[in-house]
Amino acid sequence: MSRKRLAGIAAGAVVAVAAATLPQASLAVARSNPPQTTNEATQDTVVVYRVPTHRPQDPQTLMRAGYDLMERRQGNDLFVLGDRTTGGQLRHLGFAPTVVKTAKRPAARQLPGDSSGTYDGGYHTVDANYAHMDQVASQHPDLAAVVTYGQSWLKQNGMGGHDLKAICVTKKQQGDCQLNPNSTKPRFFLMSQIHAREITTGEVSWRWIDELTNDYGKDPDITKLMDTTEMWVVPIANPDGVDMVAQGGDNPVLQRKNADDSNGSSCGQGGGQIGVDLNRNAGTHWGGAGTSDQPCDEVYLGPAADSEVENTALEGLFRQLYPAVRTGTGDSDPAPADARGMMITLHSDASMVLFPWEFDSTVHTGNDAALRALAGQMGSITGYQSGQAGEILYNASGGTDDWTYDKLGLASFTIEIGDVDNRGCDGFTPPYSCQDSYFWPKMKPALVYAAQHAAAPYQTTASTAPRKR
């Protein structure tokens, strides 16, 4: 992507951080009294509000009204990211918000130079992530291979952007790391930064790749895992969005969506954020709860299911790696008990382990007991809550894990990485020091446990799941 193009997008995104919570006049009821566009005096401050809710429909009301509802919940309280005017707007809608955090938001900066490849204290850019993957594959040709599976929206439209890349990590035997669903080894798939601003997730994927390759032959658990299982990693699922985040340097731009401004090209010039929420765009139960049809909203679902190239490319990769074993089309039709494979998509920062169905917590999959047992064990390891999204967070339709379970029967989870211990590591952009001191020691054993169960995930039950070591 050209720096001029990126700077223009990111500058709009900086404004959008403050304005993304503004209701749009076209929505009835929740948008019946839209506020005036914020001015420059309010755009330099980001505010996190704690919003008590009392009705099941309150999360959907907030999202459809255009508010930036964070992936966090405490009891019945939700959290909204806004500016200094947002509290009054929320009160006008009948909520009683309180301020829990404020931060200054300066204008966008230039991208860090290629010599550093980092921003905000150490977080890695897209280019740094891709260079890291290539380096790992070069240094460990017997353990890793990089695969290009598509192009980002900007690149496909000739405006810069990136290839979409994955890495396969295993002790390679003949036939390993091939784009063939009938693999010899079971496969464990980890992906991150489909929401670009959730930057801790990319760092966990980076460390997972290094752990597998550097500790092979040294750590017996890693060695056994590498001998028996293919690990696939997509560290940056939304590279155009991550470029926008990195544009802020030491003050990352809180871009959530991709760069597709085909709809809502004026977003960011006084209200909202350009792009499509890739985790609301997947073609399963598309258009349901937790989405918005307003292009400037943070949970904008896109003009059609699977309209975004980042999603269709990723779904194509999934289909090349996993057979479609859930032959029924009903929500309660199970995948076979002997189905193999597992997928985890990383988000932040709710401190939760979620599993399908995320579109509606009153509907359970045919593999609910096994999914619930696995999520519960990962929750025990991390100290996180576990459950369907609507049980402990809020319903969200069109997500990655619902798609992989629905279309393929793949055991699928979302881990919301968060600070459950009040270590000062909360939010979308925690201090970089939190990655090694707090998040990785928590996530490593959970990922090892999950990968160890990729061979037979649906044969795990609450009674057989091992306890935390």
Protein backbone atom coordinates (compact mmCIF):
# COMPACT_ATOMS: atom_id res chain seq x y z
CA MET A 1 0.00 0.00 0.00
CA SER A 2 1.29 3.50 -0.73
CA ARG A 3 2.16 5.55 2.32
CA LYS A 4 -0.07 8.37 1.03
CA ARG A 5 -3.05 6.03 0.76
CA LEU A 6 -2.35 4.48 4.17
CA ALA A 7 -1.87 7.87 5.83
CA GLY A 8 -5.23 9.05 4.51
CA ILE A 9 -7.04 5.94 5.72
CA ALA A 10 -5.34 5.97 9.11
CA ALA A 11 -5.97 9.68 9.66
CA GLY A 12 -9.66 8.99 9.15
CA ALA A 13 -9.43 6.04 11.50
CA VAL A 14 -7.92 8.22 14.22
CA VAL A 15 -10.93 10.51 13.98
CA ALA A 16 -13.16 7.45 13.88
CA VAL A 17 -11.88 6.20 17.22
CA ALA A 18 -13.54 9.16 18.84
CA ALA A 19 -16.55 9.27 16.55
CA ALA A 20 -17.24 5.58 15.98
CA THR A 21 -19.78 5.51 18.78
CA LEU A 22 -22.04 8.16 17.28
CA PRO A 23 -25.52 6.87 16.38
CA GLN A 24 -26.57 7.12 12.72
CA ALA A 25 -29.85 8.92 12.05
CA SER A 26 -31.18 6.26 9.70
CA LEU A 27 -31.76 3.68 12.42
CA ALA A 28 -35.14 3.98 14.09
CA VAL A 29 -35.66 3.96 17.85
CA ALA A 30 -32.06 3.60 19.02
CA ARG A 31 -30.98 6.24 16.50
CA SER A 32 -33.98 8.52 16.89
CA ASN A 33 -31.93 11.34 18.47
CA PRO A 34 -28.49 11.32 16.86
CA PRO A 35 -25.92 13.66 18.44
CA GLN A 36 -23.97 16.26 16.57
CA THR A 37 -20.63 15.26 15.08
CA THR A 38 -17.82 15.57 17.56
CA ASN A 39 -15.44 18.50 17.07
CA GLU A 40 -11.67 18.65 17.33
CA ALA A 41 -11.83 19.36 21.06
CA THR A 42 -13.34 15.94 21.72
CA GLN A 43 -11.50 13.88 19.12
CA ASP A 44 -8.18 13.85 20.97
CA THR A 45 -9.50 11.80 23.91
CA VAL A 46 -10.59 8.16 23.99
CA VAL A 47 -12.86 7.16 26.86
CA VAL A 48 -13.92 3.71 28.07
CA TYR A 49 -17.38 3.66 29.66
CA ARG A 50 -18.84 0.95 31.85
CA VAL A 51 -22.49 0.51 30.92
CA PRO A 52 -24.86 -1.49 33.16
CA THR A 53 -27.48 -3.44 31.20
CA HIS A 54 -30.80 -4.83 32.39
CA ARG A 55 -32.44 -6.38 29.31
CA PRO A 56 -31.27 -9.15 26.97
CA GLN A 57 -31.66 -6.83 23.98
CA ASP A 58 -29.39 -4.09 25.41
CA PRO A 59 -26.15 -5.29 23.70
CA GLN A 60 -27.91 -5.38 20.34
CA THR A 61 -29.40 -1.93 20.97
CA LEU A 62 -25.94 -0.50 21.61
CA MET A 63 -24.40 -2.13 18.54
CA ARG A 64 -27.22 -1.18 16.20
CA ALA A 65 -27.00 2.38 17.49
CA GLY A 66 -23.42 2.47 16.29
CA TYR A 67 -21.61 2.30 19.62
CA ASP A 68 -18.21 0.61 19.77
CA LEU A 69 -19.05 -2.21 22.14
CA MET A 70 -15.81 -3.72 23.41
CA GLU A 71 -15.25 -7.46 23.75
CA ARG A 72 -15.49 -7.33 27.50
CA ARG A 73 -18.18 -7.97 30.11
CA GLN A 74 -18.38 -8.00 33.90
CA GLY A 75 -21.64 -9.37 35.21
CA ASN A 76 -24.34 -7.43 33.39
CA ASP A 77 -22.02 -4.51 32.66
CA LEU A 78 -20.72 -3.91 29.14
CA PHE A 79 -17.95 -1.55 28.01
CA VAL A 80 -18.17 1.09 25.29
CA LEU A 81 -15.25 2.85 23.64
CA GLY A 82 -16.00 6.48 22.81
CA ASP A 83 -15.04 10.08 23.48
CA ARG A 84 -16.01 12.74 25.99
CA THR A 85 -19.45 13.21 24.44
CA THR A 86 -20.40 9.54 24.41
CA GLY A 87 -21.54 9.42 28.04
CA GLY A 88 -24.26 11.95 27.41
CA GLN A 89 -25.37 10.14 24.29
CA LEU A 90 -25.62 6.86 26.20
CA ARG A 91 -27.63 8.52 28.96
CA HIS A 92 -29.97 9.92 26.30
CA LEU A 93 -30.64 6.32 25.23
CA GLY A 94 -31.53 5.37 28.81
CA PHE A 95 -28.22 3.89 29.98
CA ALA A 96 -26.22 4.95 33.05
CA PRO A 97 -22.55 4.87 32.00
CA THR A 98 -19.54 5.59 34.20
CA VAL A 99 -16.05 6.47 33.03
CA VAL A 100 -13.43 3.83 33.78
CA LYS A 101 -10.51 5.01 31.64
CA THR A 102 -9.41 7.94 29.47
CA ALA A 103 -6.45 8.35 27.17
CA LYS A 104 -5.13 10.98 24.79
CA ARG A 105 -5.24 10.23 21.08
CA PRO A 106 -2.84 12.30 18.98
CA ALA A 107 -2.84 12.53 15.21
CA ALA A 108 -1.60 9.60 13.12
CA ARG A 109 2.13 9.11 12.61
CA GLN A 110 4.19 7.56 9.89
CA LEU A 111 4.70 3.83 9.86
CA PRO A 112 7.80 2.62 11.67
CA GLY A 113 10.75 2.08 9.35
CA ASP A 114 11.51 -1.33 7.98
CA SER A 115 14.64 -1.38 10.15
CA SER A 116 12.57 -1.78 13.30
CA GLY A 117 9.41 -3.54 12.15
CA THR A 118 7.78 -2.67 15.46
CA TYR A 119 5.49 -0.04 16.98
CA ASP A 120 4.18 0.89 20.43
CA GLY A 121 7.08 -0.58 22.36
CA GLY A 122 7.61 -3.78 20.39
CA TYR A 123 4.42 -4.90 18.65
CA HIS A 124 5.20 -6.31 15.22
CA THR A 125 4.04 -4.88 11.90
CA VAL A 126 2.64 -7.00 9.09
CA ASP A 127 5.97 -6.89 7.26
CA ALA A 128 7.79 -8.00 10.41
CA ASN A 129 5.39 -10.91 10.87
CA TYR A 130 5.85 -12.06 7.29
CA ALA A 131 9.64 -11.73 7.53
CA HIS A 132 9.49 -13.77 10.74
CA MET A 133 7.54 -16.56 9.06
CA ASP A 134 9.97 -16.66 6.14
CA GLN A 135 12.94 -16.70 8.52
CA VAL A 136 11.49 -19.58 10.55
CA ALA A 137 10.87 -21.61 7.38
CA SER A 138 14.40 -20.87 6.14
CA GLN A 139 16.06 -21.77 9.42
CA HIS A 140 13.90 -24.87 10.00
CA PRO A 141 13.10 -26.34 6.57
CA ASP A 142 12.34 -29.67 8.23
CA LEU A 143 9.80 -28.05 10.56
CA ALA A 144 8.01 -25.24 8.72
CA ALA A 145 6.59 -24.09 5.38
CA VAL A 146 4.94 -20.78 4.44
CA VAL A 147 1.80 -20.76 2.29
CA THR A 148 0.23 -17.78 0.49
CA TYR A 149 -3.54 -18.30 0.42
CA GLY A 150 -4.90 -15.03 -0.98
CA GLN A 151 -4.66 -11.25 -1.14
CA SER A 152 -5.99 -8.48 1.05
CA TRP A 153 -8.66 -6.08 -0.23
CA LEU A 154 -6.17 -3.31 -0.96
CA LYS A 155 -3.80 -5.60 -2.83
CA GLN A 156 -6.56 -7.18 -4.87
CA ASN A 157 -7.63 -3.69 -5.90
CA GLY A 158 -4.12 -2.53 -6.81
CA MET A 159 -3.73 -0.12 -3.91
CA GLY A 160 -0.84 -1.67 -2.05
CA GLY A 161 -1.90 -4.10 0.64
CA HIS A 162 -0.52 -7.56 1.30
CA ASP A 163 -0.65 -11.21 0.44
CA LEU A 164 -2.46 -13.36 2.99
CA LYS A 165 -0.04 -15.85 4.53
CA ALA A 166 -0.09 -18.90 6.77
CA ILE A 167 2.66 -21.10 8.12
CA CYS A 168 2.54 -24.86 8.67
CA VAL A 169 4.69 -26.09 11.56
CA THR A 170 5.36 -29.80 12.19
CA LYS A 171 8.15 -32.36 12.00
CA LYS A 172 7.73 -32.73 8.27
CA GLN A 173 7.22 -36.16 6.79
CA GLN A 174 6.27 -36.97 3.22
CA GLY A 175 2.86 -35.44 2.45
CA ASP A 176 2.86 -33.01 5.38
CA CYS A 177 1.88 -29.34 5.01
CA GLN A 178 0.00 -29.99 1.76
CA LEU A 179 -3.26 -28.27 0.86
CA ASN A 180 -5.16 -31.53 1.06
CA PRO A 181 -8.01 -32.18 3.52
CA ASN A 182 -7.10 -35.87 3.76
CA SER A 183 -3.94 -35.31 5.78
CA THR A 184 -2.08 -38.05 7.59
CA LYS A 185 -1.75 -35.99 10.75
CA PRO A 186 -4.55 -34.16 12.55
CA ARG A 187 -4.39 -30.38 12.23
CA PHE A 188 -4.52 -27.61 14.81
CA PHE A 189 -5.20 -24.13 13.41
CA LEU A 190 -4.46 -20.86 15.25
CA MET A 191 -5.33 -17.44 13.83
CA SER A 192 -5.16 -13.89 15.14
CA GLN A 193 -5.78 -10.23 14.39
CA ILE A 194 -8.92 -10.63 12.34
CA HIS A 195 -9.79 -7.59 14.44
CA ALA A 196 -6.72 -5.51 13.70
CA ARG A 197 -6.61 -3.50 16.91
CA GLU A 198 -6.46 -6.61 19.12
CA ILE A 199 -2.69 -6.59 18.91
CA THR A 200 -1.91 -8.99 21.75
CA THR A 201 -3.34 -11.80 19.63
CA GLY A 202 -0.71 -11.45 16.90
CA GLU A 203 2.06 -11.56 19.49
CA VAL A 204 0.70 -14.83 20.91
CA SER A 205 0.76 -16.37 17.43
CA TRP A 206 4.35 -15.13 16.95
CA ARG A 207 5.42 -16.82 20.19
CA TRP A 208 3.54 -20.02 19.34
CA ILE A 209 5.49 -20.36 16.10
CA ASP A 210 8.78 -19.82 17.94
CA GLU A 211 7.88 -22.20 20.75
CA LEU A 212 7.13 -25.04 18.35
CA THR A 213 10.27 -24.63 16.26
CA ASN A 214 12.79 -23.65 18.94
CA ASP A 215 11.73 -26.27 21.50
CA TYR A 216 11.45 -29.23 19.15
CA GLY A 217 13.82 -31.90 20.44
CA LYS A 218 14.15 -30.08 23.77
CA ASP A 219 10.66 -30.05 25.32
CA PRO A 220 9.08 -33.54 25.30
CA ASP A 221 5.51 -32.21 25.02
CA ILE A 222 6.38 -29.96 22.09
CA THR A 223 8.42 -32.69 20.44
CA LYS A 224 5.58 -35.21 20.65
CA LEU A 225 3.12 -32.61 19.39
CA MET A 226 5.32 -31.74 16.41
CA ASP A 227 5.82 -35.43 15.57
CA THR A 228 2.10 -36.17 15.53
CA THR A 229 0.23 -32.99 14.55
CA GLU A 230 0.32 -30.26 11.91
CA MET A 231 0.10 -26.78 13.42
CA TRP A 232 -1.17 -24.09 11.06
CA VAL A 233 -0.92 -20.42 12.02
CA VAL A 234 -2.33 -17.26 10.42
CA PRO A 235 -0.79 -14.54 12.60
CA ILE A 236 -2.37 -11.64 10.69
CA ALA A 237 -5.82 -12.36 9.21
CA ASN A 238 -6.51 -8.66 8.50
CA PRO A 239 -3.21 -7.15 7.28
CA ASP A 240 -4.67 -3.95 5.80
CA GLY A 241 -6.29 -3.20 9.15
CA VAL A 242 -3.07 -3.95 11.02
CA ASP A 243 -1.23 -1.48 8.78
CA MET A 244 -3.70 1.17 9.94
CA VAL A 245 -3.16 0.22 13.57
CA ALA A 246 0.62 0.47 13.20
CA GLN A 247 0.25 3.87 11.53
CA GLY A 248 -0.23 5.34 15.02
CA GLY A 249 3.24 4.34 16.18
CA ASP A 250 3.34 4.64 19.96
CA ASN A 251 -0.39 5.44 19.95
CA PRO A 252 -1.90 2.70 17.77
CA VAL A 253 -4.96 3.57 15.72
CA LEU A 254 -7.83 1.45 17.01
CA GLN A 255 -8.91 0.13 13.61
CA ARG A 256 -11.08 -2.97 14.02
CA LYS A 257 -12.25 -3.65 10.45
CA ASN A 258 -10.57 -4.22 7.10
CA ALA A 259 -9.85 -1.46 4.54
CA ASP A 260 -12.79 -2.08 2.20
CA ASP A 261 -14.45 1.34 1.83
CA SER A 262 -16.69 0.34 -1.09
CA ASN A 263 -19.56 1.11 1.25
CA GLY A 264 -19.16 4.02 3.65
CA SER A 265 -16.21 5.68 1.91
CA SER A 266 -16.86 8.86 3.91
CA CYS A 267 -16.66 7.07 7.28
CA GLY A 268 -14.01 8.62 9.49
CA GLN A 269 -14.79 12.13 8.31
CA GLY A 270 -16.99 12.85 11.29
CA GLY A 271 -18.55 9.54 12.28
CA GLY A 272 -17.58 5.89 12.25
CA GLN A 273 -14.81 3.77 10.79
CA ILE A 274 -14.29 2.50 7.26
CA GLY A 275 -14.26 -1.19 6.47
CA VAL A 276 -16.17 -4.38 7.15
CA ASP A 277 -16.02 -6.35 10.40
CA LEU A 278 -14.57 -9.63 9.15
CA ASN A 279 -15.85 -11.42 12.25
CA ARG A 280 -19.43 -10.51 11.29
CA ASN A 281 -19.09 -11.24 7.58
CA ALA A 282 -18.70 -15.03 7.47
CA GLY A 283 -21.45 -16.84 5.60
CA THR A 284 -23.16 -18.64 8.43
CA HIS A 285 -26.14 -17.13 10.25
CA TRP A 286 -25.07 -13.89 8.58
CA GLY A 287 -27.08 -10.81 9.50
CA GLY A 288 -28.23 -11.98 12.91
CA ALA A 289 -27.61 -10.61 16.39
CA GLY A 290 -24.54 -8.54 17.11
CA THR A 291 -24.29 -6.98 13.64
CA SER A 292 -25.13 -3.67 11.99
CA ASP A 293 -26.05 -2.82 8.40
CA GLN A 294 -24.61 0.69 8.76
CA PRO A 295 -21.21 0.86 6.98
CA CYS A 296 -19.62 3.21 9.52
CA ASP A 297 -20.42 1.02 12.51
CA GLU A 298 -17.79 -1.16 14.15
CA VAL A 299 -19.84 -4.34 13.61
CA TYR A 300 -20.81 -3.59 10.00
CA LEU A 301 -21.51 -6.98 8.46
CA GLY A 302 -20.77 -6.03 4.85
CA PRO A 303 -23.06 -5.88 1.82
CA ALA A 304 -23.41 -9.68 1.62
CA ALA A 305 -22.28 -12.82 3.38
CA ASP A 306 -18.63 -13.57 2.59
CA SER A 307 -18.32 -10.35 0.60
CA GLU A 308 -14.75 -9.76 1.86
CA VAL A 309 -11.74 -11.25 0.13
CA GLU A 310 -9.92 -11.83 3.41
CA ASN A 311 -12.77 -14.10 4.51
CA THR A 312 -13.30 -15.97 1.26
CA ALA A 313 -9.56 -16.65 1.03
CA LEU A 314 -9.42 -17.86 4.62
CA GLU A 315 -12.47 -20.06 4.13
CA GLY A 316 -10.85 -21.47 1.01
CA LEU A 317 -7.80 -22.37 3.07
CA PHE A 318 -9.96 -24.06 5.69
CA ARG A 319 -11.66 -26.13 3.00
CA GLN A 320 -8.25 -27.20 1.66
CA LEU A 321 -7.14 -28.29 5.12
CA TYR A 322 -10.24 -29.93 6.58
CA PRO A 323 -12.88 -32.27 5.16
CA ALA A 324 -16.52 -31.27 5.54
CA VAL A 325 -17.68 -33.90 8.00
CA ARG A 326 -20.81 -32.27 9.44
CA THR A 327 -23.16 -33.49 6.73
CA GLY A 328 -26.38 -32.25 8.29
CA THR A 329 -27.53 -28.66 7.82
CA GLY A 330 -29.56 -28.24 11.00
CA ASP A 331 -28.10 -26.29 13.91
CA SER A 332 -28.28 -29.38 16.14
CA ASP A 333 -26.79 -31.83 13.61
CA PRO A 334 -23.47 -33.03 15.06
CA ALA A 335 -20.10 -33.65 13.54
CA PRO A 336 -19.06 -37.33 13.85
CA ALA A 337 -17.55 -38.33 17.16
CA ASP A 338 -14.35 -39.42 15.41
CA ALA A 339 -13.86 -36.13 13.51
CA ARG A 340 -10.35 -34.67 13.70
CA GLY A 341 -8.99 -31.15 13.85
CA MET A 342 -9.36 -28.00 15.88
CA MET A 343 -9.40 -24.25 15.22
CA ILE A 344 -8.86 -21.36 17.64
CA THR A 345 -9.30 -17.72 16.68
CA LEU A 346 -7.75 -15.26 19.12
CA HIS A 347 -9.44 -12.03 20.19
CA SER A 348 -9.16 -9.60 23.10
CA ASP A 349 -9.82 -8.66 25.80
CA ALA A 350 -12.79 -10.30 27.52
CA SER A 351 -10.85 -13.11 29.32
CA MET A 352 -13.15 -15.81 27.95
CA VAL A 353 -13.17 -19.06 25.99
CA LEU A 354 -16.13 -19.16 23.60
CA PHE A 355 -17.52 -21.85 21.31
CA PRO A 356 -20.40 -22.26 18.82
CA TRP A 357 -23.04 -21.32 18.52
CA GLU A 358 -22.08 -17.69 18.95
CA PHE A 359 -25.01 -16.37 16.93
CA ASP A 360 -27.57 -17.46 19.54
CA SER A 361 -26.84 -18.92 22.96
CA THR A 362 -30.29 -20.51 23.18
CA VAL A 363 -29.31 -22.85 20.34
CA HIS A 364 -26.76 -25.60 21.04
CA THR A 365 -24.65 -27.58 18.59
CA GLY A 366 -24.86 -31.34 18.32
CA ASN A 367 -21.36 -31.47 19.85
CA ASP A 368 -22.12 -29.14 22.73
CA ALA A 369 -20.91 -31.43 25.53
CA ALA A 370 -17.45 -31.94 24.03
CA LEU A 371 -17.02 -28.30 23.00
CA ARG A 372 -18.11 -27.18 26.45
CA ALA A 373 -15.68 -29.61 28.13
CA LEU A 374 -12.72 -28.46 26.02
CA ALA A 375 -13.56 -24.79 26.55
CA GLY A 376 -13.95 -25.39 30.25
CA GLN A 377 -10.51 -26.95 30.48
CA MET A 378 -8.90 -24.12 28.52
CA GLY A 379 -10.72 -21.76 30.83
CA SER A 380 -9.34 -23.59 33.84
CA ILE A 381 -5.81 -23.29 32.49
CA THR A 382 -6.10 -19.57 31.73
CA GLY A 383 -8.42 -18.53 34.54
CA TYR A 384 -11.01 -17.42 31.98
CA GLN A 385 -14.77 -17.91 31.88
CA SER A 386 -16.07 -20.32 29.27
CA GLY A 387 -19.37 -20.64 27.46
CA GLN A 388 -21.28 -19.67 24.37
CA ALA A 389 -20.90 -16.01 23.54
CA GLY A 390 -24.46 -15.08 24.45
CA GLU A 391 -24.17 -16.88 27.78
CA ILE A 392 -21.22 -14.84 29.08
CA LEU A 393 -20.61 -11.95 26.62
CA TYR A 394 -23.18 -11.22 23.90
CA ASN A 395 -24.47 -12.95 20.78
CA ALA A 396 -22.47 -12.30 17.61
CA SER A 397 -23.42 -13.62 14.17
CA GLY A 398 -21.20 -14.25 11.17
CA GLY A 399 -18.07 -15.19 13.10
CA THR A 400 -15.15 -17.41 12.11
CA ASP A 401 -15.69 -20.18 14.64
CA ASP A 402 -19.38 -20.54 13.79
CA TRP A 403 -18.43 -20.84 10.10
CA THR A 404 -15.75 -23.51 10.58
CA TYR A 405 -18.03 -25.58 12.78
CA ASP A 406 -21.09 -25.08 10.56
CA LYS A 407 -19.51 -25.78 7.17
CA LEU A 408 -16.84 -28.31 8.16
CA GLY A 409 -17.80 -29.74 11.55
CA LEU A 410 -14.47 -28.49 12.90
CA ALA A 411 -14.13 -28.15 16.67
CA SER A 412 -13.80 -24.38 16.91
CA PHE A 413 -13.18 -21.83 19.65
CA THR A 414 -12.58 -18.16 20.29
CA ILE A 415 -10.16 -17.28 23.08
CA GLU A 416 -10.56 -13.72 24.30
CA ILE A 417 -7.16 -12.88 25.77
CA GLY A 418 -7.48 -10.53 28.73
CA ASP A 419 -6.20 -9.39 32.08
CA VAL A 420 -8.18 -11.42 34.56
CA ASP A 421 -5.68 -10.69 37.36
CA ASN A 422 -5.66 -6.85 37.24
CA ARG A 423 -2.02 -6.75 36.18
CA GLY A 424 -2.37 -3.52 34.20
CA CYS A 425 -2.50 -5.53 30.97
CA ASP A 426 -6.06 -4.75 29.93
CA GLY A 427 -7.37 -3.09 26.79
CA PHE A 428 -6.54 -3.45 23.12
CA THR A 429 -3.02 -2.00 23.45
CA PRO A 430 -1.54 -3.16 26.77
CA PRO A 431 2.12 -2.40 27.52
CA TYR A 432 4.29 -4.62 25.34
CA SER A 433 5.99 -5.99 28.46
CA CYS A 434 2.71 -7.80 29.24
CA GLN A 435 3.31 -10.19 26.35
CA ASP A 436 6.19 -12.12 27.89
CA SER A 437 5.50 -11.42 31.55
CA TYR A 438 1.80 -12.23 31.60
CA PHE A 439 -0.02 -13.31 28.44
CA TRP A 440 2.36 -15.91 26.99
CA PRO A 441 2.83 -17.91 30.24
CA LYS A 442 -0.97 -18.06 30.44
CA MET A 443 -1.61 -18.91 26.80
CA LYS A 444 1.16 -21.43 26.11
CA PRO A 445 -0.26 -24.29 28.22
CA ALA A 446 -3.75 -23.65 26.88
CA LEU A 447 -2.57 -23.88 23.28
CA VAL A 448 -0.53 -27.01 23.98
CA TYR A 449 -3.56 -28.61 25.62
CA ALA A 450 -5.79 -27.67 22.67
CA ALA A 451 -3.34 -28.93 20.05
CA GLN A 452 -2.95 -32.21 21.92
CA HIS A 453 -6.70 -32.75 21.50
CA ALA A 454 -6.84 -32.02 17.76
CA ALA A 455 -6.74 -35.76 17.03
CA ALA A 456 -10.07 -36.50 18.75
CA PRO A 457 -11.73 -33.31 20.08
CA TYR A 458 -15.26 -34.71 20.24
CA GLN A 459 -14.19 -37.61 22.42
CA THR A 460 -13.41 -35.22 25.25
CA THR A 461 -16.01 -34.93 27.99
CA ALA A 462 -16.16 -33.06 31.27
CA SER A 463 -15.35 -36.28 33.13
CA THR A 464 -12.32 -37.15 31.00
CA ALA A 465 -10.75 -33.71 30.56
CA PRO A 466 -7.52 -33.58 32.56
CA ARG A 467 -7.22 -31.12 35.38
CA LYS A 468 -4.92 -28.13 35.27
CA ARG A 469 -1.37 -29.19 35.99
